[in-house]
Amino acid sequence: MIIEVKGIAFQIVGDMRQSGIAVKTSADQHVTVYVHPSTPHEELIAYLEAYNYKSPQDPTTRTGIYLCEISVFGQNYAVFSEAHIRKPYISGQSVRVERLSAKAVPRLKRELLHQFILQEIAAWEERLEFLLEEVIIRKLRKNPFVVHPHSKAIVFADRIADQPRPVISYLVARSVFEFISLSPAQRDQLLVQYVPDWKHSARICNFEYNLD
């Protein structure tokens, strides 16, 4: 499994002998993380977010070159260009990319949305012990997401990138519940347990997408 955090692709390897989390970086800057399979997903993500990865080709002292401003996740972010960035990522109030043209802004927003949804999906896979094979971001005419149980895929509308993260988290949760066919009672119990302020997000989604 590969998890992307702050533009860095971490190869996650389960190791029953591992008592904690160990990170090894190869000569070609490939990062492998060895972790015991029972380690909670939230703990792993917190570790990776705090991990001080430094590539000699991409020193953290760089401030980058200002390119433009984009709106994503309900906020405005300044976009900066830096050399040797593998994947775009959000750092504080800025987005870091290697390069960006005006025509590529929608693609950047889709990629940031895809990264966020993949992290949310991974957490639900661990909690509910299911496996989703594909997450797709594309234009949808009406619905915020479409579930395809037979192909084990969920398609999300690219326009939900403009919603705040809590709303997107709620939409991901709803898509997962539909994917594995949970009852309304099971759904509500999980929302209370794992999705903060879900009733507010539900009202927004009911208004925006007629999702009740």
N, C-alpha and C. Protein backbone atom coordinates (compact mmCIF):
# COMPACT_ATOMS: atom_id res chain seq x y z
N MET A 1 0.84 -1.19 0.00
CA MET A 1 0.00 0.00 0.00
C MET A 1 0.88 1.24 0.00
N ILE A 2 0.46 2.24 -0.76
CA ILE A 2 1.19 3.51 -0.81
C ILE A 2 0.30 4.60 -0.23
N ILE A 3 0.85 5.39 0.68
CA ILE A 3 0.15 6.54 1.26
C ILE A 3 0.95 7.79 0.93
N GLU A 4 0.27 8.79 0.41
CA GLU A 4 0.93 10.06 0.08
C GLU A 4 0.64 11.08 1.17
N VAL A 5 1.68 11.64 1.74
CA VAL A 5 1.56 12.66 2.77
C VAL A 5 2.52 13.79 2.44
N LYS A 6 2.00 15.01 2.32
CA LYS A 6 2.82 16.17 2.02
C LYS A 6 3.67 15.97 0.77
N GLY A 7 3.07 15.33 -0.23
CA GLY A 7 3.76 15.15 -1.49
C GLY A 7 4.75 14.02 -1.52
N ILE A 8 4.87 13.26 -0.44
CA ILE A 8 5.83 12.16 -0.37
C ILE A 8 5.06 10.84 -0.43
N ALA A 9 5.48 9.95 -1.31
CA ALA A 9 4.85 8.63 -1.42
C ALA A 9 5.56 7.65 -0.50
N PHE A 10 4.85 7.18 0.52
CA PHE A 10 5.40 6.20 1.46
C PHE A 10 4.89 4.81 1.11
N GLN A 11 5.80 3.88 0.87
CA GLN A 11 5.43 2.48 0.66
C GLN A 11 5.25 1.82 2.02
N ILE A 12 4.03 1.39 2.33
CA ILE A 12 3.72 0.81 3.63
C ILE A 12 3.84 -0.71 3.55
N VAL A 13 4.67 -1.28 4.43
CA VAL A 13 4.89 -2.72 4.46
C VAL A 13 4.53 -3.25 5.85
N GLY A 14 3.59 -4.17 5.91
CA GLY A 14 3.24 -4.79 7.19
C GLY A 14 4.30 -5.78 7.63
N ASP A 15 4.69 -5.68 8.90
CA ASP A 15 5.74 -6.55 9.43
C ASP A 15 5.36 -6.98 10.84
N MET A 16 5.05 -8.27 11.01
CA MET A 16 4.63 -8.78 12.31
C MET A 16 5.73 -8.66 13.35
N ARG A 17 6.98 -8.57 12.92
CA ARG A 17 8.10 -8.48 13.86
C ARG A 17 8.33 -7.07 14.35
N GLN A 18 7.67 -6.09 13.73
CA GLN A 18 7.91 -4.69 14.04
C GLN A 18 7.11 -4.27 15.27
N SER A 19 7.78 -3.74 16.28
CA SER A 19 7.09 -3.29 17.49
C SER A 19 6.62 -1.85 17.39
N GLY A 20 7.26 -1.07 16.51
CA GLY A 20 6.86 0.33 16.31
C GLY A 20 6.75 0.64 14.83
N ILE A 21 7.22 1.82 14.44
CA ILE A 21 7.22 2.23 13.04
C ILE A 21 8.66 2.55 12.64
N ALA A 22 9.11 1.94 11.56
CA ALA A 22 10.48 2.16 11.08
C ALA A 22 10.44 2.66 9.64
N VAL A 23 11.28 3.65 9.34
CA VAL A 23 11.33 4.25 8.00
C VAL A 23 12.72 4.06 7.42
N LYS A 24 12.77 3.59 6.18
CA LYS A 24 14.04 3.45 5.48
C LYS A 24 13.95 4.14 4.13
N THR A 25 15.00 4.91 3.81
CA THR A 25 15.06 5.64 2.53
C THR A 25 16.18 5.05 1.69
N SER A 26 15.86 4.64 0.46
CA SER A 26 16.85 4.04 -0.43
C SER A 26 17.68 5.13 -1.10
N ALA A 27 18.67 4.70 -1.85
CA ALA A 27 19.56 5.64 -2.52
C ALA A 27 18.82 6.50 -3.55
N ASP A 28 17.74 5.96 -4.11
CA ASP A 28 16.97 6.73 -5.09
C ASP A 28 15.82 7.50 -4.45
N GLN A 29 15.89 7.69 -3.11
CA GLN A 29 14.93 8.47 -2.32
C GLN A 29 13.55 7.80 -2.21
N HIS A 30 13.49 6.49 -2.47
CA HIS A 30 12.24 5.75 -2.25
C HIS A 30 12.09 5.48 -0.76
N VAL A 31 10.92 5.82 -0.20
CA VAL A 31 10.72 5.73 1.25
C VAL A 31 9.81 4.54 1.57
N THR A 32 10.32 3.63 2.38
CA THR A 32 9.55 2.45 2.80
C THR A 32 9.31 2.52 4.31
N VAL A 33 8.07 2.28 4.70
CA VAL A 33 7.69 2.33 6.12
C VAL A 33 7.29 0.91 6.55
N TYR A 34 7.97 0.40 7.59
CA TYR A 34 7.66 -0.92 8.14
C TYR A 34 6.85 -0.73 9.42
N VAL A 35 5.69 -1.36 9.46
CA VAL A 35 4.77 -1.14 10.58
C VAL A 35 4.04 -2.43 10.90
N HIS A 36 3.76 -2.64 12.18
CA HIS A 36 2.99 -3.81 12.59
C HIS A 36 1.56 -3.67 12.05
N PRO A 37 0.96 -4.73 11.52
CA PRO A 37 -0.39 -4.64 10.93
C PRO A 37 -1.46 -4.13 11.87
N SER A 38 -1.26 -4.27 13.18
CA SER A 38 -2.28 -3.83 14.15
C SER A 38 -2.19 -2.34 14.46
N THR A 39 -1.21 -1.64 13.92
CA THR A 39 -1.07 -0.20 14.19
C THR A 39 -2.26 0.55 13.63
N PRO A 40 -2.96 1.37 14.42
CA PRO A 40 -4.11 2.13 13.91
C PRO A 40 -3.71 3.06 12.77
N HIS A 41 -4.61 3.19 11.81
CA HIS A 41 -4.33 4.04 10.64
C HIS A 41 -4.07 5.49 11.06
N GLU A 42 -4.86 5.99 12.03
CA GLU A 42 -4.69 7.37 12.47
C GLU A 42 -3.30 7.60 13.06
N GLU A 43 -2.80 6.61 13.80
CA GLU A 43 -1.45 6.72 14.38
C GLU A 43 -0.39 6.75 13.29
N LEU A 44 -0.56 5.91 12.27
CA LEU A 44 0.39 5.88 11.16
C LEU A 44 0.41 7.21 10.41
N ILE A 45 -0.76 7.76 10.13
CA ILE A 45 -0.84 9.04 9.41
C ILE A 45 -0.19 10.15 10.23
N ALA A 46 -0.46 10.17 11.53
CA ALA A 46 0.13 11.20 12.40
C ALA A 46 1.66 11.09 12.39
N TYR A 47 2.16 9.88 12.39
CA TYR A 47 3.62 9.66 12.35
C TYR A 47 4.19 10.17 11.04
N LEU A 48 3.54 9.85 9.92
CA LEU A 48 4.04 10.27 8.61
C LEU A 48 3.98 11.78 8.45
N GLU A 49 2.94 12.41 9.00
CA GLU A 49 2.82 13.87 8.90
C GLU A 49 3.93 14.55 9.70
N ALA A 50 4.35 13.92 10.78
CA ALA A 50 5.40 14.51 11.62
C ALA A 50 6.80 14.11 11.17
N TYR A 51 6.88 13.14 10.28
CA TYR A 51 8.19 12.63 9.85
C TYR A 51 8.96 13.70 9.09
N ASN A 52 10.17 13.93 9.49
CA ASN A 52 10.99 15.01 8.90
C ASN A 52 11.80 14.46 7.73
N TYR A 53 11.12 14.31 6.59
CA TYR A 53 11.80 13.79 5.40
C TYR A 53 12.57 14.91 4.72
N LYS A 54 13.85 14.70 4.49
CA LYS A 54 14.68 15.70 3.82
C LYS A 54 15.42 15.06 2.66
N SER A 55 15.10 15.52 1.47
CA SER A 55 15.82 15.06 0.29
C SER A 55 16.91 16.06 -0.04
N PRO A 56 18.09 15.61 -0.38
CA PRO A 56 19.15 16.56 -0.74
C PRO A 56 18.82 17.37 -1.96
N GLN A 57 17.84 16.89 -2.75
CA GLN A 57 17.44 17.63 -3.94
C GLN A 57 16.30 18.60 -3.66
N ASP A 58 15.74 18.51 -2.45
CA ASP A 58 14.58 19.34 -2.13
C ASP A 58 14.68 19.86 -0.71
N PRO A 59 15.63 20.74 -0.41
CA PRO A 59 15.84 21.21 0.96
C PRO A 59 14.63 21.95 1.49
N THR A 60 14.36 21.75 2.79
CA THR A 60 13.19 22.36 3.38
C THR A 60 13.36 23.85 3.61
N THR A 61 14.56 24.36 3.40
CA THR A 61 14.77 25.79 3.60
C THR A 61 14.22 26.63 2.45
N ARG A 62 13.83 26.01 1.34
CA ARG A 62 13.32 26.77 0.21
C ARG A 62 11.95 27.35 0.50
N THR A 63 11.74 28.58 0.07
CA THR A 63 10.43 29.20 0.23
C THR A 63 9.59 29.02 -1.02
N GLY A 64 10.21 28.80 -2.18
CA GLY A 64 9.47 28.61 -3.42
C GLY A 64 9.14 29.91 -4.12
N ILE A 65 8.62 29.77 -5.32
CA ILE A 65 8.25 30.92 -6.16
C ILE A 65 6.74 31.00 -6.22
N TYR A 66 6.20 32.16 -5.88
CA TYR A 66 4.74 32.33 -5.87
C TYR A 66 4.21 32.26 -7.30
N LEU A 67 3.15 31.45 -7.49
CA LEU A 67 2.56 31.29 -8.82
C LEU A 67 1.18 31.92 -8.94
N CYS A 68 0.31 31.59 -7.99
CA CYS A 68 -1.07 32.06 -8.07
C CYS A 68 -1.78 31.73 -6.77
N GLU A 69 -3.09 31.90 -6.75
CA GLU A 69 -3.91 31.54 -5.60
C GLU A 69 -5.05 30.66 -6.09
N ILE A 70 -5.35 29.60 -5.34
CA ILE A 70 -6.46 28.74 -5.71
C ILE A 70 -7.40 28.59 -4.51
N SER A 71 -8.63 28.23 -4.80
CA SER A 71 -9.61 27.96 -3.76
C SER A 71 -9.92 26.47 -3.77
N VAL A 72 -9.68 25.83 -2.64
CA VAL A 72 -9.95 24.40 -2.51
C VAL A 72 -10.26 24.10 -1.05
N PHE A 73 -11.13 23.15 -0.80
CA PHE A 73 -11.53 22.77 0.57
C PHE A 73 -12.12 23.96 1.33
N GLY A 74 -12.77 24.87 0.61
CA GLY A 74 -13.40 26.01 1.25
C GLY A 74 -12.46 27.09 1.71
N GLN A 75 -11.19 27.05 1.26
CA GLN A 75 -10.20 28.03 1.66
C GLN A 75 -9.39 28.49 0.45
N ASN A 76 -8.75 29.64 0.60
CA ASN A 76 -7.83 30.13 -0.42
C ASN A 76 -6.40 29.78 -0.02
N TYR A 77 -5.64 29.28 -0.99
CA TYR A 77 -4.25 28.89 -0.75
C TYR A 77 -3.35 29.55 -1.79
N ALA A 78 -2.21 30.06 -1.33
CA ALA A 78 -1.19 30.53 -2.25
C ALA A 78 -0.43 29.33 -2.79
N VAL A 79 -0.17 29.32 -4.10
CA VAL A 79 0.52 28.21 -4.74
C VAL A 79 1.97 28.62 -5.00
N PHE A 80 2.90 27.78 -4.53
CA PHE A 80 4.32 28.05 -4.72
C PHE A 80 4.96 26.91 -5.51
N SER A 81 5.90 27.29 -6.35
CA SER A 81 6.66 26.31 -7.13
C SER A 81 7.97 26.00 -6.43
N GLU A 82 8.27 24.71 -6.30
CA GLU A 82 9.54 24.25 -5.75
C GLU A 82 10.06 23.11 -6.62
N ALA A 83 11.36 22.99 -6.71
CA ALA A 83 11.96 21.94 -7.53
C ALA A 83 11.81 20.58 -6.86
N HIS A 84 11.67 19.56 -7.69
CA HIS A 84 11.72 18.15 -7.27
C HIS A 84 10.60 17.74 -6.33
N ILE A 85 9.43 18.35 -6.46
CA ILE A 85 8.27 17.91 -5.68
C ILE A 85 7.57 16.79 -6.45
N ARG A 86 7.43 15.64 -5.81
CA ARG A 86 6.86 14.48 -6.50
C ARG A 86 5.37 14.62 -6.72
N LYS A 87 4.68 15.06 -5.68
CA LYS A 87 3.23 15.24 -5.75
C LYS A 87 2.88 16.56 -5.07
N PRO A 88 1.88 17.29 -5.58
CA PRO A 88 1.48 18.53 -4.90
C PRO A 88 0.96 18.23 -3.50
N TYR A 89 1.16 19.16 -2.58
CA TYR A 89 0.66 18.97 -1.23
C TYR A 89 0.39 20.32 -0.58
N ILE A 90 -0.45 20.29 0.45
CA ILE A 90 -0.79 21.49 1.20
C ILE A 90 0.11 21.58 2.42
N SER A 91 0.71 22.76 2.60
CA SER A 91 1.56 23.02 3.75
C SER A 91 1.11 24.34 4.37
N GLY A 92 0.43 24.26 5.51
CA GLY A 92 -0.10 25.48 6.12
C GLY A 92 -1.15 26.11 5.24
N GLN A 93 -0.91 27.36 4.86
CA GLN A 93 -1.84 28.09 3.99
C GLN A 93 -1.36 28.14 2.55
N SER A 94 -0.48 27.23 2.18
CA SER A 94 0.04 27.22 0.81
C SER A 94 -0.03 25.83 0.20
N VAL A 95 0.00 25.80 -1.12
CA VAL A 95 0.09 24.55 -1.87
C VAL A 95 1.43 24.53 -2.56
N ARG A 96 2.15 23.42 -2.44
CA ARG A 96 3.47 23.29 -3.04
C ARG A 96 3.40 22.38 -4.26
N VAL A 97 3.91 22.87 -5.39
CA VAL A 97 3.92 22.13 -6.64
C VAL A 97 5.28 22.32 -7.30
N GLU A 98 5.57 21.48 -8.28
CA GLU A 98 6.81 21.68 -9.03
C GLU A 98 6.60 22.74 -10.10
N ARG A 99 5.48 22.64 -10.81
CA ARG A 99 5.14 23.65 -11.82
C ARG A 99 3.63 23.64 -11.99
N LEU A 100 3.10 24.73 -12.54
CA LEU A 100 1.65 24.84 -12.71
C LEU A 100 1.33 25.89 -13.75
N SER A 101 0.50 25.52 -14.70
CA SER A 101 -0.02 26.47 -15.68
C SER A 101 -1.46 26.80 -15.31
N ALA A 102 -1.98 27.87 -15.88
CA ALA A 102 -3.35 28.28 -15.56
C ALA A 102 -4.35 27.18 -15.92
N LYS A 103 -4.10 26.48 -17.02
CA LYS A 103 -5.01 25.43 -17.44
C LYS A 103 -4.96 24.21 -16.52
N ALA A 104 -3.88 24.09 -15.76
CA ALA A 104 -3.69 22.92 -14.91
C ALA A 104 -4.29 23.08 -13.52
N VAL A 105 -4.85 24.24 -13.19
CA VAL A 105 -5.42 24.47 -11.86
C VAL A 105 -6.54 23.47 -11.53
N PRO A 106 -7.50 23.22 -12.44
CA PRO A 106 -8.53 22.21 -12.12
C PRO A 106 -7.94 20.84 -11.84
N ARG A 107 -6.89 20.46 -12.58
CA ARG A 107 -6.25 19.17 -12.34
C ARG A 107 -5.57 19.13 -10.98
N LEU A 108 -4.98 20.26 -10.57
CA LEU A 108 -4.36 20.34 -9.25
C LEU A 108 -5.40 20.15 -8.16
N LYS A 109 -6.55 20.78 -8.30
CA LYS A 109 -7.60 20.63 -7.30
C LYS A 109 -8.11 19.19 -7.23
N ARG A 110 -8.22 18.55 -8.39
CA ARG A 110 -8.65 17.14 -8.41
C ARG A 110 -7.62 16.25 -7.72
N GLU A 111 -6.34 16.56 -7.92
CA GLU A 111 -5.30 15.73 -7.30
C GLU A 111 -5.29 15.91 -5.79
N LEU A 112 -5.45 17.13 -5.31
CA LEU A 112 -5.51 17.36 -3.86
C LEU A 112 -6.74 16.68 -3.26
N LEU A 113 -7.85 16.75 -3.97
CA LEU A 113 -9.07 16.08 -3.51
C LEU A 113 -8.86 14.58 -3.47
N HIS A 114 -8.23 14.03 -4.48
CA HIS A 114 -7.98 12.59 -4.56
C HIS A 114 -7.12 12.13 -3.38
N GLN A 115 -6.07 12.88 -3.06
CA GLN A 115 -5.21 12.54 -1.93
C GLN A 115 -5.99 12.52 -0.63
N PHE A 116 -6.82 13.54 -0.42
CA PHE A 116 -7.59 13.63 0.82
C PHE A 116 -8.58 12.47 0.93
N ILE A 117 -9.28 12.17 -0.16
CA ILE A 117 -10.28 11.09 -0.13
C ILE A 117 -9.61 9.74 0.09
N LEU A 118 -8.45 9.52 -0.50
CA LEU A 118 -7.75 8.25 -0.30
C LEU A 118 -7.41 8.03 1.17
N GLN A 119 -7.00 9.08 1.87
CA GLN A 119 -6.71 8.96 3.29
C GLN A 119 -7.97 8.63 4.09
N GLU A 120 -9.08 9.28 3.73
CA GLU A 120 -10.34 9.01 4.41
C GLU A 120 -10.80 7.58 4.16
N ILE A 121 -10.70 7.14 2.91
CA ILE A 121 -11.11 5.78 2.55
C ILE A 121 -10.26 4.76 3.30
N ALA A 122 -8.95 4.99 3.38
CA ALA A 122 -8.06 4.05 4.07
C ALA A 122 -8.47 3.88 5.53
N ALA A 123 -8.87 4.97 6.17
CA ALA A 123 -9.31 4.88 7.56
C ALA A 123 -10.58 4.04 7.68
N TRP A 124 -11.52 4.23 6.76
CA TRP A 124 -12.76 3.45 6.80
C TRP A 124 -12.51 1.98 6.47
N GLU A 125 -11.57 1.71 5.57
CA GLU A 125 -11.23 0.32 5.25
C GLU A 125 -10.73 -0.41 6.50
N GLU A 126 -9.95 0.29 7.30
CA GLU A 126 -9.43 -0.33 8.53
C GLU A 126 -10.54 -0.53 9.55
N ARG A 127 -11.40 0.48 9.69
CA ARG A 127 -12.46 0.39 10.71
C ARG A 127 -13.46 -0.71 10.38
N LEU A 128 -13.85 -0.81 9.11
CA LEU A 128 -14.95 -1.69 8.71
C LEU A 128 -14.50 -2.95 7.99
N GLU A 129 -13.19 -3.11 7.82
CA GLU A 129 -12.60 -4.33 7.24
C GLU A 129 -13.20 -4.66 5.87
N PHE A 130 -13.06 -3.74 4.96
CA PHE A 130 -13.45 -3.96 3.57
C PHE A 130 -12.33 -3.40 2.69
N LEU A 131 -12.41 -3.67 1.40
CA LEU A 131 -11.37 -3.20 0.49
C LEU A 131 -12.01 -2.56 -0.73
N LEU A 132 -11.61 -1.33 -1.00
CA LEU A 132 -12.05 -0.61 -2.20
C LEU A 132 -10.88 -0.59 -3.19
N GLU A 133 -11.15 -0.99 -4.42
CA GLU A 133 -10.05 -1.12 -5.38
C GLU A 133 -9.73 0.18 -6.11
N GLU A 134 -10.71 1.08 -6.23
CA GLU A 134 -10.44 2.28 -7.02
C GLU A 134 -11.27 3.46 -6.54
N VAL A 135 -10.63 4.61 -6.47
CA VAL A 135 -11.30 5.89 -6.21
C VAL A 135 -11.06 6.78 -7.41
N ILE A 136 -12.15 7.26 -8.01
CA ILE A 136 -12.07 8.03 -9.25
C ILE A 136 -12.65 9.42 -9.00
N ILE A 137 -11.97 10.44 -9.52
CA ILE A 137 -12.46 11.82 -9.46
C ILE A 137 -12.78 12.26 -10.89
N ARG A 138 -14.00 12.67 -11.12
CA ARG A 138 -14.37 13.16 -12.45
C ARG A 138 -15.63 14.00 -12.35
N LYS A 139 -16.03 14.56 -13.45
CA LYS A 139 -17.25 15.37 -13.47
C LYS A 139 -18.47 14.47 -13.37
N LEU A 140 -19.39 14.82 -12.46
CA LEU A 140 -20.68 14.16 -12.35
C LEU A 140 -21.76 15.22 -12.48
N ARG A 141 -22.78 14.93 -13.22
CA ARG A 141 -23.78 15.95 -13.52
C ARG A 141 -24.59 16.37 -12.30
N LYS A 142 -24.89 15.41 -11.42
CA LYS A 142 -25.80 15.71 -10.32
C LYS A 142 -25.27 15.25 -8.97
N ASN A 143 -24.98 13.96 -8.86
CA ASN A 143 -24.64 13.38 -7.56
C ASN A 143 -23.22 13.74 -7.13
N PRO A 144 -22.98 13.83 -5.82
CA PRO A 144 -21.61 14.07 -5.34
C PRO A 144 -20.73 12.84 -5.43
N PHE A 145 -21.36 11.66 -5.51
CA PHE A 145 -20.60 10.41 -5.67
C PHE A 145 -21.50 9.35 -6.27
N VAL A 146 -20.88 8.35 -6.89
CA VAL A 146 -21.59 7.20 -7.43
C VAL A 146 -20.83 5.96 -7.01
N VAL A 147 -21.54 4.98 -6.46
CA VAL A 147 -20.93 3.75 -5.95
C VAL A 147 -21.09 2.63 -6.97
N HIS A 148 -20.00 1.88 -7.19
CA HIS A 148 -20.02 0.73 -8.10
C HIS A 148 -19.54 -0.50 -7.34
N PRO A 149 -20.43 -1.18 -6.62
CA PRO A 149 -20.01 -2.33 -5.78
C PRO A 149 -19.38 -3.47 -6.57
N HIS A 150 -19.87 -3.74 -7.77
CA HIS A 150 -19.36 -4.88 -8.52
C HIS A 150 -17.91 -4.68 -8.96
N SER A 151 -17.55 -3.45 -9.31
CA SER A 151 -16.17 -3.17 -9.70
C SER A 151 -15.34 -2.64 -8.52
N LYS A 152 -15.96 -2.60 -7.34
CA LYS A 152 -15.30 -2.14 -6.11
C LYS A 152 -14.66 -0.76 -6.30
N ALA A 153 -15.48 0.16 -6.82
CA ALA A 153 -15.01 1.51 -7.08
C ALA A 153 -16.06 2.53 -6.63
N ILE A 154 -15.57 3.71 -6.25
CA ILE A 154 -16.45 4.84 -5.95
C ILE A 154 -15.96 6.02 -6.78
N VAL A 155 -16.89 6.68 -7.46
CA VAL A 155 -16.58 7.87 -8.25
C VAL A 155 -17.07 9.10 -7.48
N PHE A 156 -16.20 10.09 -7.33
CA PHE A 156 -16.56 11.34 -6.65
C PHE A 156 -16.57 12.48 -7.65
N ALA A 157 -17.52 13.39 -7.48
CA ALA A 157 -17.60 14.56 -8.34
C ALA A 157 -16.45 15.51 -8.04
N ASP A 158 -15.79 15.99 -9.08
CA ASP A 158 -14.65 16.88 -8.85
C ASP A 158 -15.04 18.18 -8.18
N ARG A 159 -16.30 18.60 -8.33
CA ARG A 159 -16.72 19.87 -7.75
C ARG A 159 -16.78 19.87 -6.23
N ILE A 160 -16.78 18.69 -5.59
CA ILE A 160 -16.82 18.68 -4.12
C ILE A 160 -15.50 19.16 -3.53
N ALA A 161 -14.48 19.36 -4.37
CA ALA A 161 -13.21 19.93 -3.88
C ALA A 161 -13.41 21.32 -3.30
N ASP A 162 -14.50 21.99 -3.66
CA ASP A 162 -14.76 23.34 -3.13
C ASP A 162 -15.39 23.31 -1.75
N GLN A 163 -15.81 22.13 -1.30
CA GLN A 163 -16.42 22.02 0.02
C GLN A 163 -15.34 21.94 1.11
N PRO A 164 -15.67 22.38 2.33
CA PRO A 164 -14.73 22.23 3.45
C PRO A 164 -14.44 20.75 3.71
N ARG A 165 -13.30 20.47 4.31
CA ARG A 165 -12.91 19.08 4.58
C ARG A 165 -13.96 18.29 5.37
N PRO A 166 -14.59 18.88 6.42
CA PRO A 166 -15.58 18.09 7.16
C PRO A 166 -16.74 17.63 6.29
N VAL A 167 -17.14 18.44 5.32
CA VAL A 167 -18.23 18.05 4.41
C VAL A 167 -17.76 16.91 3.51
N ILE A 168 -16.54 17.01 3.01
CA ILE A 168 -16.01 15.94 2.16
C ILE A 168 -15.88 14.65 2.97
N SER A 169 -15.44 14.76 4.21
CA SER A 169 -15.33 13.58 5.07
C SER A 169 -16.70 12.92 5.23
N TYR A 170 -17.73 13.74 5.39
CA TYR A 170 -19.09 13.20 5.51
C TYR A 170 -19.52 12.51 4.22
N LEU A 171 -19.22 13.12 3.08
CA LEU A 171 -19.57 12.50 1.80
C LEU A 171 -18.84 11.17 1.60
N VAL A 172 -17.58 11.13 1.99
CA VAL A 172 -16.82 9.87 1.89
C VAL A 172 -17.47 8.80 2.77
N ALA A 173 -17.82 9.19 3.99
CA ALA A 173 -18.46 8.24 4.89
C ALA A 173 -19.76 7.71 4.29
N ARG A 174 -20.58 8.60 3.75
CA ARG A 174 -21.85 8.18 3.16
C ARG A 174 -21.63 7.24 1.98
N SER A 175 -20.61 7.53 1.18
CA SER A 175 -20.33 6.67 0.03
C SER A 175 -19.89 5.27 0.49
N VAL A 176 -19.09 5.22 1.55
CA VAL A 176 -18.65 3.94 2.10
C VAL A 176 -19.83 3.15 2.65
N PHE A 177 -20.72 3.83 3.36
CA PHE A 177 -21.89 3.16 3.93
C PHE A 177 -22.77 2.56 2.83
N GLU A 178 -22.89 3.31 1.74
CA GLU A 178 -23.67 2.80 0.61
C GLU A 178 -22.94 1.63 -0.07
N PHE A 179 -21.63 1.74 -0.16
CA PHE A 179 -20.83 0.70 -0.82
C PHE A 179 -20.97 -0.65 -0.12
N ILE A 180 -20.99 -0.62 1.23
CA ILE A 180 -21.07 -1.89 1.97
C ILE A 180 -22.49 -2.16 2.50
N SER A 181 -23.45 -1.33 2.07
CA SER A 181 -24.88 -1.56 2.36
C SER A 181 -25.19 -1.62 3.85
N LEU A 182 -24.81 -0.55 4.57
CA LEU A 182 -25.13 -0.47 5.99
C LEU A 182 -26.56 0.01 6.19
N SER A 183 -27.16 -0.42 7.28
CA SER A 183 -28.50 0.04 7.63
C SER A 183 -28.44 1.47 8.16
N PRO A 184 -29.56 2.21 8.15
CA PRO A 184 -29.57 3.57 8.71
C PRO A 184 -29.08 3.62 10.16
N ALA A 185 -29.43 2.62 10.95
CA ALA A 185 -29.00 2.61 12.35
C ALA A 185 -27.49 2.45 12.45
N GLN A 186 -26.94 1.55 11.66
CA GLN A 186 -25.48 1.36 11.66
C GLN A 186 -24.77 2.62 11.17
N ARG A 187 -25.33 3.23 10.14
CA ARG A 187 -24.75 4.45 9.58
C ARG A 187 -24.69 5.55 10.63
N ASP A 188 -25.81 5.79 11.30
CA ASP A 188 -25.85 6.86 12.29
C ASP A 188 -24.89 6.61 13.44
N GLN A 189 -24.76 5.36 13.86
CA GLN A 189 -23.84 5.03 14.95
C GLN A 189 -22.40 5.34 14.56
N LEU A 190 -22.02 5.02 13.34
CA LEU A 190 -20.65 5.28 12.87
C LEU A 190 -20.41 6.77 12.67
N LEU A 191 -21.41 7.49 12.21
CA LEU A 191 -21.26 8.93 12.03
C LEU A 191 -21.00 9.61 13.38
N VAL A 192 -21.76 9.21 14.37
CA VAL A 192 -21.57 9.78 15.71
C VAL A 192 -20.17 9.47 16.23
N GLN A 193 -19.68 8.28 15.94
CA GLN A 193 -18.40 7.82 16.48
C GLN A 193 -17.20 8.43 15.76
N TYR A 194 -17.31 8.62 14.43
CA TYR A 194 -16.12 8.96 13.66
C TYR A 194 -16.17 10.27 12.88
N VAL A 195 -17.33 10.89 12.73
CA VAL A 195 -17.43 12.09 11.89
C VAL A 195 -17.90 13.27 12.75
N PRO A 196 -16.98 14.13 13.18
CA PRO A 196 -17.35 15.27 14.03
C PRO A 196 -18.34 16.21 13.33
N ASP A 197 -19.32 16.68 14.09
CA ASP A 197 -20.29 17.65 13.60
C ASP A 197 -20.95 17.18 12.30
N TRP A 198 -21.26 15.89 12.23
CA TRP A 198 -21.79 15.33 10.99
C TRP A 198 -23.17 15.87 10.64
N LYS A 199 -23.96 16.27 11.63
CA LYS A 199 -25.30 16.77 11.34
C LYS A 199 -25.24 18.09 10.56
N HIS A 200 -24.25 18.93 10.88
CA HIS A 200 -24.09 20.18 10.12
C HIS A 200 -23.70 19.86 8.67
N SER A 201 -22.76 18.94 8.50
CA SER A 201 -22.36 18.54 7.14
C SER A 201 -23.52 17.91 6.39
N ALA A 202 -24.35 17.14 7.10
CA ALA A 202 -25.51 16.51 6.47
C ALA A 202 -26.48 17.56 5.96
N ARG A 203 -26.68 18.63 6.72
CA ARG A 203 -27.58 19.70 6.27
C ARG A 203 -27.04 20.37 5.01
N ILE A 204 -25.73 20.60 4.97
CA ILE A 204 -25.13 21.20 3.79
C ILE A 204 -25.31 20.30 2.57
N CYS A 205 -25.07 19.00 2.74
CA CYS A 205 -25.19 18.07 1.63
C CYS A 205 -26.64 17.89 1.18
N ASN A 206 -27.56 17.98 2.13
CA ASN A 206 -28.98 17.91 1.77
C ASN A 206 -29.36 19.11 0.91
N PHE A 207 -28.84 20.27 1.26
CA PHE A 207 -29.15 21.50 0.50
C PHE A 207 -28.44 21.50 -0.85
N GLU A 208 -27.15 21.14 -0.85
CA GLU A 208 -26.34 21.23 -2.07
C GLU A 208 -26.65 20.10 -3.07
N TYR A 209 -26.86 18.88 -2.54
CA TYR A 209 -26.94 17.71 -3.41
C TYR A 209 -28.23 16.90 -3.22
N ASN A 210 -29.14 17.40 -2.38
CA ASN A 210 -30.35 16.67 -2.09
C ASN A 210 -30.04 15.28 -1.55
N LEU A 211 -29.02 15.23 -0.70
CA LEU A 211 -28.58 13.95 -0.11
C LEU A 211 -29.12 13.88 1.31
N ASP A 212 -30.18 13.11 1.50
CA ASP A 212 -30.79 13.04 2.83
C ASP A 212 -30.42 11.78 3.57
